[in-house]
Amino acid sequence: MAVSDAQKRADAKYKRERTKTAVVRFYPAEEELWGWLSAQPNKQGYVKRLIREDMERHR
């Protein structure tokens, strides 16, 4: 089923107003970190899990 232009606009508006974005840059010296993250099947889930685990350790 095709998505209408109105639905696309509504989705873009929701994401713009309700979600947060974080950008991480990896420099050539951090190639090993990038490789590890790239190997994860769910990168977003992996990062969120690491953050949650870190939060628990610091409580």
Protein backbone atom coordinates (compact mmCIF):
# COMPACT_ATOMS: atom_id res chain seq x y z
CA MET A 1 0.00 0.00 0.00
CA ALA A 2 1.37 3.40 -0.97
CA VAL A 3 1.88 6.08 1.64
CA SER A 4 0.14 9.36 0.91
CA ASP A 5 1.94 12.70 0.88
CA ALA A 6 -0.13 13.76 3.89
CA GLN A 7 1.03 10.70 5.84
CA LYS A 8 4.65 11.41 4.90
CA ARG A 9 4.30 15.00 6.12
CA ALA A 10 2.64 13.86 9.35
CA ASP A 11 5.40 11.33 9.96
CA ALA A 12 8.13 13.92 9.31
CA LYS A 13 6.40 16.40 11.64
CA TYR A 14 6.10 13.80 14.40
CA LYS A 15 9.77 12.85 14.12
CA ARG A 16 10.85 16.50 14.06
CA GLU A 17 8.79 17.45 17.13
CA ARG A 18 8.90 14.30 19.26
CA THR A 19 12.18 12.48 18.70
CA LYS A 20 15.82 13.21 19.48
CA THR A 21 18.79 12.45 17.26
CA ALA A 22 22.40 11.87 18.25
CA VAL A 23 25.23 11.69 15.74
CA VAL A 24 28.48 9.89 16.49
CA ARG A 25 31.56 10.34 14.32
CA PHE A 26 34.36 7.80 14.19
CA TYR A 27 37.84 8.94 13.22
CA PRO A 28 40.34 6.69 11.45
CA ALA A 29 42.05 5.89 14.77
CA GLU A 30 38.71 4.49 15.99
CA GLU A 31 38.27 2.03 13.14
CA GLU A 32 38.04 -0.88 15.58
CA LEU A 33 35.09 0.78 17.36
CA TRP A 34 33.35 1.45 14.05
CA GLY A 35 33.92 -2.12 12.95
CA TRP A 36 32.42 -3.47 16.16
CA LEU A 37 29.35 -1.27 15.92
CA SER A 38 28.92 -2.06 12.24
CA ALA A 39 28.85 -5.78 13.04
CA GLN A 40 25.84 -5.37 15.34
CA PRO A 41 22.58 -6.36 13.64
CA ASN A 42 20.60 -3.69 15.54
CA LYS A 43 22.85 -0.69 16.07
CA GLN A 44 20.21 1.49 17.72
CA GLY A 45 19.21 -1.26 20.12
CA TYR A 46 22.84 -2.01 20.90
CA VAL A 47 23.64 1.60 21.79
CA LYS A 48 20.47 1.98 23.87
CA ARG A 49 21.26 -1.24 25.76
CA LEU A 50 24.78 0.01 26.54
CA ILE A 51 23.37 3.29 27.85
CA ARG A 52 20.77 1.52 30.01
CA GLU A 53 23.43 -0.79 31.46
CA ASP A 54 25.67 2.18 32.21
CA MET A 55 22.78 4.02 33.88
CA GLU A 56 22.11 1.00 36.11
CA ARG A 57 25.77 0.80 37.15
CA HIS A 58 25.73 4.45 38.18
CA ARG A 59 22.57 4.36 40.29
